[in-house]
Amino acid sequence: MKFAALALLGAVSASSISRNQEKLYEIMALQTESQQVDANGCPIPLEITEDEMQYQLGEFSRNFNMENWKNAMKIKEELE
């Protein structure tokens, strides 16, 4: 009986955490999208630095957004 109650409590907690993670991901995605264009709607130019390339690769590893991968490859080509 106690095991079933603990299992149910764990399932409810995991479900709550999952929903919170989804909401956080949505907020982060909105922030990332808003950072890619300026106030006039023009794309912000990429910084051609090692740090920016690492940032773009990090973002790609988190959200698998191909735009981040393409940005990292553009920077890599410019650095070579």
N, C-alpha and C. Protein backbone atom coordinates (compact mmCIF):
# COMPACT_ATOMS: atom_id res chain seq x y z
N MET A 1 0.82 -1.19 0.00
CA MET A 1 0.00 0.00 0.00
C MET A 1 0.86 1.25 0.00
N LYS A 2 1.88 1.28 0.88
CA LYS A 2 2.75 2.46 0.95
C LYS A 2 3.53 2.62 -0.35
N PHE A 3 3.94 1.50 -0.93
CA PHE A 3 4.69 1.56 -2.19
C PHE A 3 3.85 2.16 -3.30
N ALA A 4 2.59 1.79 -3.36
CA ALA A 4 1.70 2.32 -4.40
C ALA A 4 1.51 3.82 -4.23
N ALA A 5 1.39 4.27 -2.98
CA ALA A 5 1.23 5.71 -2.73
C ALA A 5 2.49 6.47 -3.12
N LEU A 6 3.65 5.90 -2.81
CA LEU A 6 4.92 6.55 -3.19
C LEU A 6 5.09 6.58 -4.70
N ALA A 7 4.71 5.50 -5.36
CA ALA A 7 4.82 5.45 -6.82
C ALA A 7 3.91 6.50 -7.46
N LEU A 8 2.70 6.64 -6.93
CA LEU A 8 1.77 7.64 -7.45
C LEU A 8 2.30 9.05 -7.23
N LEU A 9 2.85 9.28 -6.05
CA LEU A 9 3.44 10.59 -5.74
C LEU A 9 4.60 10.90 -6.68
N GLY A 10 5.44 9.91 -6.94
CA GLY A 10 6.55 10.09 -7.87
C GLY A 10 6.09 10.39 -9.28
N ALA A 11 5.03 9.72 -9.71
CA ALA A 11 4.50 9.94 -11.06
C ALA A 11 3.93 11.34 -11.19
N VAL A 12 3.24 11.81 -10.15
CA VAL A 12 2.68 13.17 -10.18
C VAL A 12 3.80 14.19 -10.22
N SER A 13 4.85 13.98 -9.43
CA SER A 13 5.99 14.91 -9.41
C SER A 13 6.68 14.94 -10.76
N ALA A 14 6.89 13.77 -11.36
CA ALA A 14 7.56 13.70 -12.65
C ALA A 14 6.72 14.39 -13.72
N SER A 15 5.41 14.22 -13.65
CA SER A 15 4.52 14.86 -14.61
C SER A 15 4.59 16.38 -14.48
N SER A 16 4.61 16.87 -13.26
CA SER A 16 4.69 18.30 -13.00
C SER A 16 6.01 18.87 -13.50
N ILE A 17 7.09 18.15 -13.25
CA ILE A 17 8.41 18.60 -13.70
C ILE A 17 8.44 18.65 -15.22
N SER A 18 7.88 17.64 -15.86
CA SER A 18 7.87 17.58 -17.32
C SER A 18 7.12 18.78 -17.90
N ARG A 19 5.96 19.12 -17.34
CA ARG A 19 5.21 20.27 -17.83
C ARG A 19 5.99 21.56 -17.62
N ASN A 20 6.63 21.67 -16.48
CA ASN A 20 7.43 22.87 -16.21
C ASN A 20 8.60 22.98 -17.18
N GLN A 21 9.23 21.86 -17.50
CA GLN A 21 10.33 21.88 -18.46
C GLN A 21 9.84 22.29 -19.84
N GLU A 22 8.67 21.82 -20.22
CA GLU A 22 8.11 22.20 -21.52
C GLU A 22 7.84 23.70 -21.58
N LYS A 23 7.29 24.25 -20.51
CA LYS A 23 7.02 25.69 -20.46
C LYS A 23 8.32 26.48 -20.53
N LEU A 24 9.34 26.03 -19.80
CA LEU A 24 10.62 26.70 -19.80
C LEU A 24 11.24 26.65 -21.20
N TYR A 25 11.14 25.52 -21.87
CA TYR A 25 11.66 25.39 -23.22
C TYR A 25 10.96 26.37 -24.17
N GLU A 26 9.65 26.50 -24.04
CA GLU A 26 8.90 27.43 -24.89
C GLU A 26 9.36 28.87 -24.67
N ILE A 27 9.57 29.24 -23.41
CA ILE A 27 10.04 30.60 -23.09
C ILE A 27 11.43 30.82 -23.68
N MET A 28 12.31 29.83 -23.53
CA MET A 28 13.66 29.95 -24.06
C MET A 28 13.64 30.05 -25.58
N ALA A 29 12.76 29.30 -26.22
CA ALA A 29 12.66 29.35 -27.68
C ALA A 29 12.19 30.72 -28.14
N LEU A 30 11.24 31.32 -27.43
CA LEU A 30 10.78 32.66 -27.77
C LEU A 30 11.90 33.68 -27.61
N GLN A 31 12.68 33.56 -26.54
CA GLN A 31 13.79 34.48 -26.33
C GLN A 31 14.84 34.33 -27.42
N THR A 32 15.13 33.11 -27.79
CA THR A 32 16.13 32.85 -28.84
C THR A 32 15.66 33.44 -30.16
N GLU A 33 14.39 33.25 -30.50
CA GLU A 33 13.86 33.79 -31.75
C GLU A 33 13.93 35.31 -31.75
N SER A 34 13.60 35.94 -30.61
CA SER A 34 13.60 37.39 -30.56
C SER A 34 15.01 37.96 -30.62
N GLN A 35 16.01 37.19 -30.25
CA GLN A 35 17.38 37.67 -30.28
C GLN A 35 17.98 37.61 -31.68
N GLN A 36 17.35 36.91 -32.59
CA GLN A 36 17.93 36.72 -33.91
C GLN A 36 17.61 37.85 -34.88
N VAL A 37 16.70 38.74 -34.53
CA VAL A 37 16.39 39.89 -35.38
C VAL A 37 16.39 41.15 -34.53
N ASP A 38 16.73 42.27 -35.15
CA ASP A 38 16.73 43.54 -34.42
C ASP A 38 15.33 44.15 -34.44
N ALA A 39 15.22 45.38 -33.95
CA ALA A 39 13.92 46.05 -33.83
C ALA A 39 13.27 46.27 -35.19
N ASN A 40 14.06 46.39 -36.24
CA ASN A 40 13.53 46.61 -37.59
C ASN A 40 13.21 45.31 -38.31
N GLY A 41 13.44 44.17 -37.65
CA GLY A 41 13.19 42.88 -38.27
C GLY A 41 14.35 42.36 -39.10
N CYS A 42 15.48 43.07 -39.06
CA CYS A 42 16.66 42.63 -39.81
C CYS A 42 17.45 41.61 -38.99
N PRO A 43 18.00 40.60 -39.65
CA PRO A 43 18.80 39.62 -38.90
C PRO A 43 20.04 40.27 -38.29
N ILE A 44 20.35 39.87 -37.09
CA ILE A 44 21.54 40.38 -36.42
C ILE A 44 22.74 39.61 -36.97
N PRO A 45 23.79 40.32 -37.43
CA PRO A 45 24.94 39.61 -37.99
C PRO A 45 25.65 38.76 -36.94
N LEU A 46 26.18 37.64 -37.39
CA LEU A 46 26.90 36.75 -36.49
C LEU A 46 28.26 37.34 -36.15
N GLU A 47 28.67 37.18 -34.91
CA GLU A 47 30.05 37.51 -34.55
C GLU A 47 30.92 36.36 -35.03
N ILE A 48 32.00 36.67 -35.68
CA ILE A 48 32.89 35.63 -36.18
C ILE A 48 33.98 35.42 -35.12
N THR A 49 33.60 34.71 -34.07
CA THR A 49 34.52 34.41 -32.97
C THR A 49 34.36 32.96 -32.56
N GLU A 50 35.39 32.44 -31.91
CA GLU A 50 35.34 31.07 -31.38
C GLU A 50 34.21 30.94 -30.35
N ASP A 51 34.06 31.97 -29.51
CA ASP A 51 33.01 31.93 -28.48
C ASP A 51 31.62 31.86 -29.10
N GLU A 52 31.38 32.63 -30.16
CA GLU A 52 30.07 32.60 -30.82
C GLU A 52 29.83 31.24 -31.47
N MET A 53 30.87 30.65 -32.05
CA MET A 53 30.73 29.33 -32.65
C MET A 53 30.36 28.31 -31.57
N GLN A 54 31.03 28.37 -30.42
CA GLN A 54 30.71 27.45 -29.33
C GLN A 54 29.29 27.68 -28.81
N TYR A 55 28.86 28.93 -28.75
CA TYR A 55 27.49 29.24 -28.33
C TYR A 55 26.49 28.61 -29.28
N GLN A 56 26.71 28.79 -30.59
CA GLN A 56 25.79 28.25 -31.59
C GLN A 56 25.75 26.72 -31.52
N LEU A 57 26.89 26.08 -31.33
CA LEU A 57 26.92 24.62 -31.19
C LEU A 57 26.20 24.18 -29.93
N GLY A 58 26.36 24.93 -28.86
CA GLY A 58 25.66 24.62 -27.61
C GLY A 58 24.16 24.72 -27.77
N GLU A 59 23.71 25.77 -28.46
CA GLU A 59 22.27 25.91 -28.71
C GLU A 59 21.75 24.77 -29.58
N PHE A 60 22.54 24.38 -30.58
CA PHE A 60 22.12 23.27 -31.44
C PHE A 60 22.00 21.98 -30.63
N SER A 61 22.94 21.75 -29.71
CA SER A 61 22.89 20.52 -28.93
C SER A 61 21.70 20.50 -27.98
N ARG A 62 21.17 21.67 -27.63
CA ARG A 62 20.02 21.73 -26.73
C ARG A 62 18.68 21.58 -27.47
N ASN A 63 18.58 22.21 -28.65
CA ASN A 63 17.26 22.26 -29.29
C ASN A 63 17.24 21.68 -30.71
N PHE A 64 18.38 21.24 -31.22
CA PHE A 64 18.49 20.66 -32.56
C PHE A 64 17.90 21.57 -33.64
N ASN A 65 18.04 22.87 -33.44
CA ASN A 65 17.60 23.85 -34.42
C ASN A 65 18.70 23.95 -35.49
N MET A 66 18.37 23.61 -36.71
CA MET A 66 19.38 23.60 -37.79
C MET A 66 19.95 24.98 -38.06
N GLU A 67 19.24 26.03 -37.72
CA GLU A 67 19.76 27.39 -37.91
C GLU A 67 21.03 27.59 -37.06
N ASN A 68 21.02 27.05 -35.85
CA ASN A 68 22.21 27.15 -35.00
C ASN A 68 23.38 26.39 -35.61
N TRP A 69 23.11 25.22 -36.18
CA TRP A 69 24.16 24.43 -36.82
C TRP A 69 24.73 25.18 -38.02
N LYS A 70 23.86 25.74 -38.84
CA LYS A 70 24.31 26.50 -40.02
C LYS A 70 25.13 27.71 -39.60
N ASN A 71 24.70 28.39 -38.53
CA ASN A 71 25.47 29.54 -38.03
C ASN A 71 26.85 29.11 -37.59
N ALA A 72 26.93 27.99 -36.87
CA ALA A 72 28.23 27.51 -36.40
C ALA A 72 29.13 27.16 -37.58
N MET A 73 28.57 26.55 -38.62
CA MET A 73 29.39 26.19 -39.79
C MET A 73 29.84 27.43 -40.55
N LYS A 74 28.99 28.46 -40.62
CA LYS A 74 29.39 29.72 -41.27
C LYS A 74 30.57 30.34 -40.52
N ILE A 75 30.48 30.35 -39.21
CA ILE A 75 31.56 30.93 -38.40
C ILE A 75 32.83 30.12 -38.58
N LYS A 76 32.70 28.79 -38.58
CA LYS A 76 33.87 27.91 -38.75
C LYS A 76 34.58 28.21 -40.06
N GLU A 77 33.81 28.35 -41.14
CA GLU A 77 34.40 28.65 -42.45
C GLU A 77 35.14 29.98 -42.43
N GLU A 78 34.57 30.98 -41.77
CA GLU A 78 35.19 32.31 -41.72
C GLU A 78 36.47 32.29 -40.86
N LEU A 79 36.50 31.44 -39.84
CA LEU A 79 37.67 31.39 -38.96
C LEU A 79 38.85 30.66 -39.60
N GLU A 80 38.57 29.81 -40.58
CA GLU A 80 39.66 29.03 -41.21
C GLU A 80 40.50 29.85 -42.12
